[in-house]
Amino acid sequence: MYLLIVILNEEKHFEDLLQSYVEVGINDATVLETQSINSMVGSQIPIFAGLKYLTGNSKPYSKTILSVISDKEKVDYLVKILNDTGIDINEPGIIEILTIKIENIYGKPKDFDFE
């Protein structure tokens, strides 16, 4: 089992990303509204406000999606589908995909039906 973490910085790709999840068979995920520390420091601490222009990050918010997957092959399939939909995962600042091996899981999510 693995924890799949996807950080999407370009919200225009959000719907395509969700459709890709369903196509891969990842039906249980948690979506979080997140903000990078660079944009937070730039907007919360006045002395650093000018740094947002140096980092080039005009979009301070992102979506972070957490899900548990059974195998890494699902990640490879997800990456393929994302590339097929025109999301360039190699372009900096668009999307980050991470996997972390899970040792234990306690509890079970509620079943969800897409009807």
PDB file of N, CA and C in Angstrom:
ATOM      1  N   MET A   1       0.840  -1.176   0.000  1.00  0.00           N
ATOM      2  CA  MET A   1       0.000   0.000   0.000  1.00  0.00           C
ATOM      3  C   MET A   1       0.889   1.244   0.000  1.00  0.00           C
ATOM      4  N   TYR A   2       0.391   2.274  -0.689  1.00  0.00           N
ATOM      5  CA  TYR A   2       1.141   3.512  -0.816  1.00  0.00           C
ATOM      6  C   TYR A   2       0.219   4.704  -0.608  1.00  0.00           C
ATOM      7  N   LEU A   3       0.791   5.771  -0.085  1.00  0.00           N
ATOM      8  CA  LEU A   3       0.096   7.046  -0.019  1.00  0.00           C
ATOM      9  C   LEU A   3       0.493   7.819  -1.267  1.00  0.00           C
ATOM     10  N   LEU A   4      -0.485   8.152  -2.073  1.00  0.00           N
ATOM     11  CA  LEU A   4      -0.258   8.953  -3.274  1.00  0.00           C
ATOM     12  C   LEU A   4      -0.594  10.397  -2.932  1.00  0.00           C
ATOM     13  N   ILE A   5       0.373  11.274  -3.145  1.00  0.00           N
ATOM     14  CA  ILE A   5       0.187  12.703  -2.898  1.00  0.00           C
ATOM     15  C   ILE A   5       0.370  13.423  -4.223  1.00  0.00           C
ATOM     16  N   VAL A   6      -0.652  14.145  -4.631  1.00  0.00           N
ATOM     17  CA  VAL A   6      -0.574  14.929  -5.862  1.00  0.00           C
ATOM     18  C   VAL A   6      -0.822  16.387  -5.494  1.00  0.00           C
ATOM     19  N   ILE A   7       0.135  17.243  -5.846  1.00  0.00           N
ATOM     20  CA  ILE A   7       0.009  18.678  -5.606  1.00  0.00           C
ATOM     21  C   ILE A   7      -0.164  19.339  -6.968  1.00  0.00           C
ATOM     22  N   LEU A   8      -1.345  19.865  -7.197  1.00  0.00           N
ATOM     23  CA  LEU A   8      -1.668  20.500  -8.475  1.00  0.00           C
ATOM     24  C   LEU A   8      -1.621  22.010  -8.297  1.00  0.00           C
ATOM     25  N   ASN A   9      -0.675  22.645  -8.973  1.00  0.00           N
ATOM     26  CA  ASN A   9      -0.511  24.091  -8.858  1.00  0.00           C
ATOM     27  C   ASN A   9      -1.303  24.863  -9.905  1.00  0.00           C
ATOM     28  N   GLU A  10      -1.698  24.204 -10.973  1.00  0.00           N
ATOM     29  CA  GLU A  10      -2.482  24.831 -12.037  1.00  0.00           C
ATOM     30  C   GLU A  10      -3.916  24.328 -11.946  1.00  0.00           C
ATOM     31  N   GLU A  11      -4.780  25.123 -11.336  1.00  0.00           N
ATOM     32  CA  GLU A  11      -6.148  24.679 -11.067  1.00  0.00           C
ATOM     33  C   GLU A  11      -6.946  24.412 -12.341  1.00  0.00           C
ATOM     34  N   LYS A  12      -6.532  24.959 -13.466  1.00  0.00           N
ATOM     35  CA  LYS A  12      -7.259  24.721 -14.720  1.00  0.00           C
ATOM     36  C   LYS A  12      -7.239  23.238 -15.105  1.00  0.00           C
ATOM     37  N   HIS A  13      -6.304  22.459 -14.533  1.00  0.00           N
ATOM     38  CA  HIS A  13      -6.208  21.026 -14.834  1.00  0.00           C
ATOM     39  C   HIS A  13      -6.957  20.156 -13.823  1.00  0.00           C
ATOM     40  N   PHE A  14      -7.652  20.769 -12.875  1.00  0.00           N
ATOM     41  CA  PHE A  14      -8.259  20.012 -11.779  1.00  0.00           C
ATOM     42  C   PHE A  14      -9.297  18.996 -12.262  1.00  0.00           C
ATOM     43  N   GLU A  15     -10.183  19.405 -13.145  1.00  0.00           N
ATOM     44  CA  GLU A  15     -11.217  18.485 -13.633  1.00  0.00           C
ATOM     45  C   GLU A  15     -10.594  17.307 -14.381  1.00  0.00           C
ATOM     46  N   ASP A  16      -9.602  17.581 -15.226  1.00  0.00           N
ATOM     47  CA  ASP A  16      -8.909  16.496 -15.938  1.00  0.00           C
ATOM     48  C   ASP A  16      -8.226  15.548 -14.960  1.00  0.00           C
ATOM     49  N   LEU A  17      -7.658  16.103 -13.901  1.00  0.00           N
ATOM     50  CA  LEU A  17      -6.999  15.273 -12.895  1.00  0.00           C
ATOM     51  C   LEU A  17      -8.003  14.359 -12.201  1.00  0.00           C
ATOM     52  N   LEU A  18      -9.156  14.897 -11.817  1.00  0.00           N
ATOM     53  CA  LEU A  18     -10.180  14.078 -11.169  1.00  0.00           C
ATOM     54  C   LEU A  18     -10.685  12.979 -12.097  1.00  0.00           C
ATOM     55  N   GLN A  19     -10.908  13.308 -13.363  1.00  0.00           N
ATOM     56  CA  GLN A  19     -11.345  12.297 -14.329  1.00  0.00           C
ATOM     57  C   GLN A  19     -10.282  11.217 -14.494  1.00  0.00           C
ATOM     58  N   SER A  20      -9.026  11.607 -14.451  1.00  0.00           N
ATOM     59  CA  SER A  20      -7.927  10.641 -14.563  1.00  0.00           C
ATOM     60  C   SER A  20      -7.913   9.702 -13.366  1.00  0.00           C
ATOM     61  N   TYR A  21      -8.168  10.235 -12.186  1.00  0.00           N
ATOM     62  CA  TYR A  21      -8.249   9.398 -10.981  1.00  0.00           C
ATOM     63  C   TYR A  21      -9.310   8.316 -11.152  1.00  0.00           C
ATOM     64  N   VAL A  22     -10.489   8.714 -11.617  1.00  0.00           N
ATOM     65  CA  VAL A  22     -11.586   7.762 -11.792  1.00  0.00           C
ATOM     66  C   VAL A  22     -11.216   6.713 -12.835  1.00  0.00           C
ATOM     67  N   GLU A  23     -10.591   7.150 -13.930  1.00  0.00           N
ATOM     68  CA  GLU A  23     -10.192   6.210 -14.983  1.00  0.00           C
ATOM     69  C   GLU A  23      -9.179   5.185 -14.477  1.00  0.00           C
ATOM     70  N   VAL A  24      -8.283   5.613 -13.613  1.00  0.00           N
ATOM     71  CA  VAL A  24      -7.274   4.708 -13.050  1.00  0.00           C
ATOM     72  C   VAL A  24      -7.900   3.758 -12.030  1.00  0.00           C
ATOM     73  N   GLY A  25      -9.025   4.165 -11.447  1.00  0.00           N
ATOM     74  CA  GLY A  25      -9.670   3.345 -10.428  1.00  0.00           C
ATOM     75  C   GLY A  25      -9.379   3.801  -9.015  1.00  0.00           C
ATOM     76  N   ILE A  26      -8.924   5.038  -8.880  1.00  0.00           N
ATOM     77  CA  ILE A  26      -8.688   5.619  -7.559  1.00  0.00           C
ATOM     78  C   ILE A  26      -9.951   6.388  -7.186  1.00  0.00           C
ATOM     79  N   ASN A  27     -10.804   5.748  -6.401  1.00  0.00           N
ATOM     80  CA  ASN A  27     -12.106   6.329  -6.087  1.00  0.00           C
ATOM     81  C   ASN A  27     -12.189   6.933  -4.697  1.00  0.00           C
ATOM     82  N   ASP A  28     -11.187   6.719  -3.876  1.00  0.00           N
ATOM     83  CA  ASP A  28     -11.196   7.270  -2.526  1.00  0.00           C
ATOM     84  C   ASP A  28     -10.013   8.217  -2.385  1.00  0.00           C
ATOM     85  N   ALA A  29     -10.298   9.495  -2.301  1.00  0.00           N
ATOM     86  CA  ALA A  29      -9.238  10.492  -2.186  1.00  0.00           C
ATOM     87  C   ALA A  29      -9.758  11.677  -1.380  1.00  0.00           C
ATOM     88  N   THR A  30      -8.829  12.398  -0.790  1.00  0.00           N
ATOM     89  CA  THR A  30      -9.153  13.608  -0.044  1.00  0.00           C
ATOM     90  C   THR A  30      -8.502  14.786  -0.746  1.00  0.00           C
ATOM     91  N   VAL A  31      -9.292  15.813  -1.030  1.00  0.00           N
ATOM     92  CA  VAL A  31      -8.791  17.005  -1.714  1.00  0.00           C
ATOM     93  C   VAL A  31      -8.666  18.127  -0.689  1.00  0.00           C
ATOM     94  N   LEU A  32      -7.478  18.707  -0.636  1.00  0.00           N
ATOM     95  CA  LEU A  32      -7.202  19.808   0.290  1.00  0.00           C
ATOM     96  C   LEU A  32      -6.868  21.072  -0.496  1.00  0.00           C
ATOM     97  N   GLU A  33      -7.359  22.204  -0.019  1.00  0.00           N
ATOM     98  CA  GLU A  33      -6.949  23.502  -0.550  1.00  0.00           C
ATOM     99  C   GLU A  33      -5.661  23.863   0.182  1.00  0.00           C
ATOM    100  N   THR A  34      -4.580  24.063  -0.557  1.00  0.00           N
ATOM    101  CA  THR A  34      -3.290  24.311   0.084  1.00  0.00           C
ATOM    102  C   THR A  34      -2.628  25.570  -0.471  1.00  0.00           C
ATOM    103  N   GLN A  35      -1.598  25.993   0.233  1.00  0.00           N
ATOM    104  CA  GLN A  35      -0.839  27.169  -0.161  1.00  0.00           C
ATOM    105  C   GLN A  35       0.628  26.903   0.125  1.00  0.00           C
ATOM    106  N   SER A  36       1.486  27.249  -0.822  1.00  0.00           N
ATOM    107  CA  SER A  36       2.913  27.026  -0.609  1.00  0.00           C
ATOM    108  C   SER A  36       3.448  28.015   0.424  1.00  0.00           C
ATOM    109  N   ILE A  37       4.508  27.621   1.079  1.00  0.00           N
ATOM    110  CA  ILE A  37       5.106  28.499   2.088  1.00  0.00           C
ATOM    111  C   ILE A  37       5.679  29.759   1.435  1.00  0.00           C
ATOM    112  N   ASN A  38       6.167  29.633   0.190  1.00  0.00           N
ATOM    113  CA  ASN A  38       6.695  30.812  -0.504  1.00  0.00           C
ATOM    114  C   ASN A  38       5.626  31.879  -0.678  1.00  0.00           C
ATOM    115  N   SER A  39       4.430  31.462  -1.125  1.00  0.00           N
ATOM    116  CA  SER A  39       3.373  32.455  -1.330  1.00  0.00           C
ATOM    117  C   SER A  39       2.833  32.962  -0.001  1.00  0.00           C
ATOM    118  N   MET A  40       2.820  32.113   1.015  1.00  0.00           N
ATOM    119  CA  MET A  40       2.326  32.532   2.324  1.00  0.00           C
ATOM    120  C   MET A  40       3.259  33.567   2.949  1.00  0.00           C
ATOM    121  N   VAL A  41       4.548  33.310   2.890  1.00  0.00           N
ATOM    122  CA  VAL A  41       5.519  34.260   3.441  1.00  0.00           C
ATOM    123  C   VAL A  41       5.425  35.576   2.683  1.00  0.00           C
ATOM    124  N   GLY A  42       5.289  35.487   1.371  1.00  0.00           N
ATOM    125  CA  GLY A  42       5.208  36.695   0.555  1.00  0.00           C
ATOM    126  C   GLY A  42       3.985  37.538   0.839  1.00  0.00           C
ATOM    127  N   SER A  43       2.883  36.888   1.204  1.00  0.00           N
ATOM    128  CA  SER A  43       1.660  37.659   1.440  1.00  0.00           C
ATOM    129  C   SER A  43       1.448  38.010   2.911  1.00  0.00           C
ATOM    130  N   GLN A  44       2.028  37.255   3.834  1.00  0.00           N
ATOM    131  CA  GLN A  44       1.787  37.472   5.261  1.00  0.00           C
ATOM    132  C   GLN A  44       2.850  38.343   5.931  1.00  0.00           C
ATOM    133  N   ILE A  45       4.052  38.330   5.403  1.00  0.00           N
ATOM    134  CA  ILE A  45       5.147  39.087   6.020  1.00  0.00           C
ATOM    135  C   ILE A  45       5.563  40.193   5.046  1.00  0.00           C
ATOM    136  N   PRO A  46       5.251  41.439   5.356  1.00  0.00           N
ATOM    137  CA  PRO A  46       5.461  42.539   4.416  1.00  0.00           C
ATOM    138  C   PRO A  46       6.876  42.649   3.855  1.00  0.00           C
ATOM    139  N   ILE A  47       7.881  42.359   4.659  1.00  0.00           N
ATOM    140  CA  ILE A  47       9.253  42.504   4.169  1.00  0.00           C
ATOM    141  C   ILE A  47       9.547  41.550   3.010  1.00  0.00           C
ATOM    142  N   PHE A  48       8.794  40.428   2.946  1.00  0.00           N
ATOM    143  CA  PHE A  48       9.003  39.452   1.884  1.00  0.00           C
ATOM    144  C   PHE A  48       8.001  39.592   0.738  1.00  0.00           C
ATOM    145  N   ALA A  49       7.127  40.589   0.808  1.00  0.00           N
ATOM    146  CA  ALA A  49       6.064  40.724  -0.191  1.00  0.00           C
ATOM    147  C   ALA A  49       6.608  40.822  -1.612  1.00  0.00           C
ATOM    148  N   GLY A  50       7.751  41.451  -1.777  1.00  0.00           N
ATOM    149  CA  GLY A  50       8.337  41.575  -3.108  1.00  0.00           C
ATOM    150  C   GLY A  50       8.897  40.288  -3.663  1.00  0.00           C
ATOM    151  N   LEU A  51       9.103  39.284  -2.818  1.00  0.00           N
ATOM    152  CA  LEU A  51       9.685  38.024  -3.275  1.00  0.00           C
ATOM    153  C   LEU A  51       8.774  37.245  -4.209  1.00  0.00           C
ATOM    154  N   LYS A  52       7.460  37.457  -4.132  1.00  0.00           N
ATOM    155  CA  LYS A  52       6.568  36.701  -5.010  1.00  0.00           C
ATOM    156  C   LYS A  52       6.862  37.013  -6.471  1.00  0.00           C
ATOM    157  N   TYR A  53       7.382  38.195  -6.747  1.00  0.00           N
ATOM    158  CA  TYR A  53       7.740  38.532  -8.114  1.00  0.00           C
ATOM    159  C   TYR A  53       9.018  37.816  -8.538  1.00  0.00           C
ATOM    160  N   LEU A  54       9.889  37.554  -7.590  1.00  0.00           N
ATOM    161  CA  LEU A  54      11.120  36.833  -7.897  1.00  0.00           C
ATOM    162  C   LEU A  54      10.864  35.355  -8.142  1.00  0.00           C
ATOM    163  N   THR A  55       9.915  34.774  -7.411  1.00  0.00           N
ATOM    164  CA  THR A  55       9.630  33.347  -7.574  1.00  0.00           C
ATOM    165  C   THR A  55       8.750  33.083  -8.779  1.00  0.00           C
ATOM    166  N   GLY A  56       8.082  34.114  -9.289  1.00  0.00           N
ATOM    167  CA  GLY A  56       7.223  33.930 -10.445  1.00  0.00           C
ATOM    168  C   GLY A  56       5.928  33.211 -10.128  1.00  0.00           C
ATOM    169  N   ASN A  57       5.612  33.056  -8.881  1.00  0.00           N
ATOM    170  CA  ASN A  57       4.407  32.336  -8.482  1.00  0.00           C
ATOM    171  C   ASN A  57       3.261  33.326  -8.304  1.00  0.00           C
ATOM    172  N   SER A  58       2.441  33.484  -9.361  1.00  0.00           N
ATOM    173  CA  SER A  58       1.316  34.396  -9.274  1.00  0.00           C
ATOM    174  C   SER A  58       0.067  33.701  -8.754  1.00  0.00           C
ATOM    175  N   LYS A  59       0.089  32.390  -8.673  1.00  0.00           N
ATOM    176  CA  LYS A  59      -1.047  31.621  -8.179  1.00  0.00           C
ATOM    177  C   LYS A  59      -0.668  31.018  -6.830  1.00  0.00           C
ATOM    178  N   PRO A  60      -1.110  31.637  -5.746  1.00  0.00           N
ATOM    179  CA  PRO A  60      -0.657  31.187  -4.430  1.00  0.00           C
ATOM    180  C   PRO A  60      -1.281  29.886  -3.944  1.00  0.00           C
ATOM    181  N   TYR A  61      -2.442  29.522  -4.490  1.00  0.00           N
ATOM    182  CA  TYR A  61      -3.147  28.355  -3.963  1.00  0.00           C
ATOM    183  C   TYR A  61      -3.035  27.165  -4.897  1.00  0.00           C
ATOM    184  N   SER A  62      -3.144  25.986  -4.307  1.00  0.00           N
ATOM    185  CA  SER A  62      -3.069  24.753  -5.081  1.00  0.00           C
ATOM    186  C   SER A  62      -4.034  23.741  -4.480  1.00  0.00           C
ATOM    187  N   LYS A  63      -4.170  22.628  -5.155  1.00  0.00           N
ATOM    188  CA  LYS A  63      -4.978  21.510  -4.662  1.00  0.00           C
ATOM    189  C   LYS A  63      -4.010  20.384  -4.331  1.00  0.00           C
ATOM    190  N   THR A  64      -4.164  19.802  -3.158  1.00  0.00           N
ATOM    191  CA  THR A  64      -3.378  18.634  -2.782  1.00  0.00           C
ATOM    192  C   THR A  64      -4.353  17.482  -2.593  1.00  0.00           C
ATOM    193  N   ILE A  65      -4.090  16.390  -3.291  1.00  0.00           N
ATOM    194  CA  ILE A  65      -4.974  15.230  -3.248  1.00  0.00           C
ATOM    195  C   ILE A  65      -4.220  14.074  -2.607  1.00  0.00           C
ATOM    196  N   LEU A  66      -4.804  13.522  -1.556  1.00  0.00           N
ATOM    197  CA  LEU A  66      -4.228  12.386  -0.837  1.00  0.00           C
ATOM    198  C   LEU A  66      -5.086  11.158  -1.099  1.00  0.00           C
ATOM    199  N   SER A  67      -4.440  10.043  -1.417  1.00  0.00           N
ATOM    200  CA  SER A  67      -5.184   8.797  -1.607  1.00  0.00           C
ATOM    201  C   SER A  67      -4.282   7.613  -1.304  1.00  0.00           C
ATOM    202  N   VAL A  68      -4.917   6.522  -0.923  1.00  0.00           N
ATOM    203  CA  VAL A  68      -4.201   5.275  -0.670  1.00  0.00           C
ATOM    204  C   VAL A  68      -4.390   4.391  -1.892  1.00  0.00           C
ATOM    205  N   ILE A  69      -3.279   3.891  -2.421  1.00  0.00           N
ATOM    206  CA  ILE A  69      -3.341   3.011  -3.589  1.00  0.00           C
ATOM    207  C   ILE A  69      -2.674   1.687  -3.256  1.00  0.00           C
ATOM    208  N   SER A  70      -3.071   0.655  -3.977  1.00  0.00           N
ATOM    209  CA  SER A  70      -2.559  -0.683  -3.680  1.00  0.00           C
ATOM    210  C   SER A  70      -1.189  -0.944  -4.288  1.00  0.00           C
ATOM    211  N   ASP A  71      -0.906  -0.321  -5.434  1.00  0.00           N
ATOM    212  CA  ASP A  71       0.376  -0.592  -6.090  1.00  0.00           C
ATOM    213  C   ASP A  71       0.833   0.620  -6.897  1.00  0.00           C
ATOM    214  N   LYS A  72       2.128   0.660  -7.179  1.00  0.00           N
ATOM    215  CA  LYS A  72       2.719   1.791  -7.896  1.00  0.00           C
ATOM    216  C   LYS A  72       2.314   1.837  -9.367  1.00  0.00           C
ATOM    217  N   GLU A  73       1.829   0.726  -9.904  1.00  0.00           N
ATOM    218  CA  GLU A  73       1.421   0.705 -11.306  1.00  0.00           C
ATOM    219  C   GLU A  73       0.300   1.708 -11.561  1.00  0.00           C
ATOM    220  N   LYS A  74      -0.527   1.947 -10.557  1.00  0.00           N
ATOM    221  CA  LYS A  74      -1.595   2.938 -10.706  1.00  0.00           C
ATOM    222  C   LYS A  74      -1.014   4.333 -10.927  1.00  0.00           C
ATOM    223  N   VAL A  75       0.110   4.615 -10.299  1.00  0.00           N
ATOM    224  CA  VAL A  75       0.755   5.918 -10.484  1.00  0.00           C
ATOM    225  C   VAL A  75       1.274   6.042 -11.912  1.00  0.00           C
ATOM    226  N   ASP A  76       1.907   4.977 -12.411  1.00  0.00           N
ATOM    227  CA  ASP A  76       2.397   4.998 -13.792  1.00  0.00           C
ATOM    228  C   ASP A  76       1.249   5.217 -14.771  1.00  0.00           C
ATOM    229  N   TYR A  77       0.126   4.543 -14.522  1.00  0.00           N
ATOM    230  CA  TYR A  77      -1.047   4.692 -15.380  1.00  0.00           C
ATOM    231  C   TYR A  77      -1.612   6.110 -15.272  1.00  0.00           C
ATOM    232  N   LEU A  78      -1.651   6.657 -14.062  1.00  0.00           N
ATOM    233  CA  LEU A  78      -2.125   8.024 -13.866  1.00  0.00           C
ATOM    234  C   LEU A  78      -1.248   9.013 -14.633  1.00  0.00           C
ATOM    235  N   VAL A  79       0.057   8.854 -14.552  1.00  0.00           N
ATOM    236  CA  VAL A  79       0.985   9.737 -15.261  1.00  0.00           C
ATOM    237  C   VAL A  79       0.751   9.653 -16.765  1.00  0.00           C
ATOM    238  N   LYS A  80       0.552   8.453 -17.283  1.00  0.00           N
ATOM    239  CA  LYS A  80       0.292   8.272 -18.718  1.00  0.00           C
ATOM    240  C   LYS A  80      -0.979   9.004 -19.132  1.00  0.00           C
ATOM    241  N   ILE A  81      -2.036   8.833 -18.347  1.00  0.00           N
ATOM    242  CA  ILE A  81      -3.303   9.490 -18.671  1.00  0.00           C
ATOM    243  C   ILE A  81      -3.156  11.008 -18.604  1.00  0.00           C
ATOM    244  N   LEU A  82      -2.461  11.509 -17.597  1.00  0.00           N
ATOM    245  CA  LEU A  82      -2.258  12.954 -17.480  1.00  0.00           C
ATOM    246  C   LEU A  82      -1.507  13.495 -18.687  1.00  0.00           C
ATOM    247  N   ASN A  83      -0.474  12.783 -19.114  1.00  0.00           N
ATOM    248  CA  ASN A  83       0.257  13.202 -20.311  1.00  0.00           C
ATOM    249  C   ASN A  83      -0.644  13.181 -21.539  1.00  0.00           C
ATOM    250  N   ASP A  84      -1.506  12.154 -21.641  1.00  0.00           N
ATOM    251  CA  ASP A  84      -2.426  12.050 -22.777  1.00  0.00           C
ATOM    252  C   ASP A  84      -3.445  13.185 -22.795  1.00  0.00           C
ATOM    253  N   THR A  85      -3.799  13.720 -21.623  1.00  0.00           N
ATOM    254  CA  THR A  85      -4.767  14.821 -21.563  1.00  0.00           C
ATOM    255  C   THR A  85      -4.100  16.184 -21.757  1.00  0.00           C
ATOM    256  N   GLY A  86      -2.788  16.198 -21.918  1.00  0.00           N
ATOM    257  CA  GLY A  86      -2.084  17.449 -22.172  1.00  0.00           C
ATOM    258  C   GLY A  86      -1.481  18.099 -20.946  1.00  0.00           C
ATOM    259  N   ILE A  87      -1.498  17.417 -19.820  1.00  0.00           N
ATOM    260  CA  ILE A  87      -0.863  17.952 -18.616  1.00  0.00           C
ATOM    261  C   ILE A  87       0.595  17.511 -18.627  1.00  0.00           C
ATOM    262  N   ASP A  88       1.498  18.463 -18.800  1.00  0.00           N
ATOM    263  CA  ASP A  88       2.924  18.149 -18.871  1.00  0.00           C
ATOM    264  C   ASP A  88       3.482  18.057 -17.453  1.00  0.00           C
ATOM    265  N   ILE A  89       3.652  16.818 -16.973  1.00  0.00           N
ATOM    266  CA  ILE A  89       4.112  16.646 -15.593  1.00  0.00           C
ATOM    267  C   ILE A  89       5.580  17.015 -15.420  1.00  0.00           C
ATOM    268  N   ASN A  90       6.291  17.181 -16.528  1.00  0.00           N
ATOM    269  CA  ASN A  90       7.704  17.551 -16.434  1.00  0.00           C
ATOM    270  C   ASN A  90       7.923  19.061 -16.435  1.00  0.00           C
ATOM    271  N   GLU A  91       6.866  19.823 -16.715  1.00  0.00           N
ATOM    272  CA  GLU A  91       6.994  21.276 -16.700  1.00  0.00           C
ATOM    273  C   GLU A  91       6.971  21.765 -15.248  1.00  0.00           C
ATOM    274  N   PRO A  92       7.982  22.504 -14.826  1.00  0.00           N
ATOM    275  CA  PRO A  92       8.042  22.963 -13.435  1.00  0.00           C
ATOM    276  C   PRO A  92       6.829  23.807 -13.052  1.00  0.00           C
ATOM    277  N   GLY A  93       6.338  23.584 -11.841  1.00  0.00           N
ATOM    278  CA  GLY A  93       5.264  24.398 -11.307  1.00  0.00           C
ATOM    279  C   GLY A  93       3.858  23.963 -11.658  1.00  0.00           C
ATOM    280  N   ILE A  94       3.699  22.896 -12.434  1.00  0.00           N
ATOM    281  CA  ILE A  94       2.361  22.446 -12.821  1.00  0.00           C
ATOM    282  C   ILE A  94       1.813  21.446 -11.815  1.00  0.00           C
ATOM    283  N   ILE A  95       2.549  20.361 -11.591  1.00  0.00           N
ATOM    284  CA  ILE A  95       2.059  19.271 -10.754  1.00  0.00           C
ATOM    285  C   ILE A  95       3.244  18.538 -10.131  1.00  0.00           C
ATOM    286  N   GLU A  96       3.046  18.036  -8.933  1.00  0.00           N
ATOM    287  CA  GLU A  96       4.035  17.176  -8.275  1.00  0.00           C
ATOM    288  C   GLU A  96       3.314  15.910  -7.838  1.00  0.00           C
ATOM    289  N   ILE A  97       3.944  14.763  -8.076  1.00  0.00           N
ATOM    290  CA  ILE A  97       3.352  13.477  -7.717  1.00  0.00           C
ATOM    291  C   ILE A  97       4.354  12.723  -6.857  1.00  0.00           C
ATOM    292  N   LEU A  98       3.916  12.313  -5.658  1.00  0.00           N
ATOM    293  CA  LEU A  98       4.791  11.594  -4.733  1.00  0.00           C
ATOM    294  C   LEU A  98       4.089  10.335  -4.246  1.00  0.00           C
ATOM    295  N   THR A  99       4.873   9.310  -3.940  1.00  0.00           N
ATOM    296  CA  THR A  99       4.329   8.118  -3.287  1.00  0.00           C
ATOM    297  C   THR A  99       5.171   7.815  -2.056  1.00  0.00           C
ATOM    298  N   ILE A 100       4.488   7.363  -1.009  1.00  0.00           N
ATOM    299  CA  ILE A 100       5.146   6.983   0.239  1.00  0.00           C
ATOM    300  C   ILE A 100       4.601   5.625   0.648  1.00  0.00           C
ATOM    301  N   LYS A 101       5.499   4.706   0.971  1.00  0.00           N
ATOM    302  CA  LYS A 101       5.070   3.373   1.401  1.00  0.00           C
ATOM    303  C   LYS A 101       4.373   3.468   2.754  1.00  0.00           C
ATOM    304  N   ILE A 102       3.235   2.779   2.861  1.00  0.00           N
ATOM    305  CA  ILE A 102       2.453   2.764   4.098  1.00  0.00           C
ATOM    306  C   ILE A 102       2.721   1.466   4.841  1.00  0.00           C
ATOM    307  N   GLU A 103       3.066   1.570   6.103  1.00  0.00           N
ATOM    308  CA  GLU A 103       3.304   0.392   6.937  1.00  0.00           C
ATOM    309  C   GLU A 103       2.011  -0.170   7.510  1.00  0.00           C
ATOM    310  N   ASN A 104       1.155   0.706   8.035  1.00  0.00           N
ATOM    311  CA  ASN A 104      -0.086   0.272   8.684  1.00  0.00           C
ATOM    312  C   ASN A 104      -1.219   1.216   8.319  1.00  0.00           C
ATOM    313  N   ILE A 105      -2.424   0.663   8.264  1.00  0.00           N
ATOM    314  CA  ILE A 105      -3.633   1.465   8.090  1.00  0.00           C
ATOM    315  C   ILE A 105      -4.633   1.006   9.137  1.00  0.00           C
ATOM    316  N   TYR A 106      -5.182   1.955   9.865  1.00  0.00           N
ATOM    317  CA  TYR A 106      -6.209   1.656  10.857  1.00  0.00           C
ATOM    318  C   TYR A 106      -7.481   2.383  10.442  1.00  0.00           C
ATOM    319  N   GLY A 107      -8.592   1.702  10.510  1.00  0.00           N
ATOM    320  CA  GLY A 107      -9.852   2.285  10.079  1.00  0.00           C
ATOM    321  C   GLY A 107     -10.081   2.007   8.605  1.00  0.00           C
ATOM    322  N   LYS A 108     -11.282   2.244   8.164  1.00  0.00           N
ATOM    323  CA  LYS A 108     -11.644   1.994   6.769  1.00  0.00           C
ATOM    324  C   LYS A 108     -12.554   3.123   6.299  1.00  0.00           C
ATOM    325  N   PRO A 109     -12.322   3.642   5.081  1.00  0.00           N
ATOM    326  CA  PRO A 109     -13.196   4.708   4.586  1.00  0.00           C
ATOM    327  C   PRO A 109     -14.590   4.179   4.274  1.00  0.00           C
ATOM    328  N   LYS A 110     -15.542   5.074   4.315  1.00  0.00           N
ATOM    329  CA  LYS A 110     -16.913   4.728   3.958  1.00  0.00           C
ATOM    330  C   LYS A 110     -16.976   4.451   2.459  1.00  0.00           C
ATOM    331  N   ASP A 111     -17.703   3.400   2.077  1.00  0.00           N
ATOM    332  CA  ASP A 111     -17.864   3.094   0.655  1.00  0.00           C
ATOM    333  C   ASP A 111     -18.636   4.219  -0.021  1.00  0.00           C
ATOM    334  N   PHE A 112     -18.251   4.500  -1.276  1.00  0.00           N
ATOM    335  CA  PHE A 112     -18.881   5.566  -2.034  1.00  0.00           C
ATOM    336  C   PHE A 112     -19.254   5.025  -3.393  1.00  0.00           C
ATOM    337  N   ASP A 113     -20.484   5.285  -3.812  1.00  0.00           N
ATOM    338  CA  ASP A 113     -20.966   4.804  -5.095  1.00  0.00           C
ATOM    339  C   ASP A 113     -21.146   6.001  -6.025  1.00  0.00           C
ATOM    340  N   PHE A 114     -20.652   5.894  -7.253  1.00  0.00           N
ATOM    341  CA  PHE A 114     -20.713   6.994  -8.217  1.00  0.00           C
ATOM    342  C   PHE A 114     -22.010   7.006  -9.019  1.00  0.00           C
ATOM    343  N   GLU A 115     -23.135   6.729  -8.411  1.00  0.00           N
ATOM    344  CA  GLU A 115     -24.408   6.736  -9.150  1.00  0.00           C
ATOM    345  C   GLU A 115     -25.047   8.080  -9.139  1.00  0.00           C
TER     346      GLU A 115
END
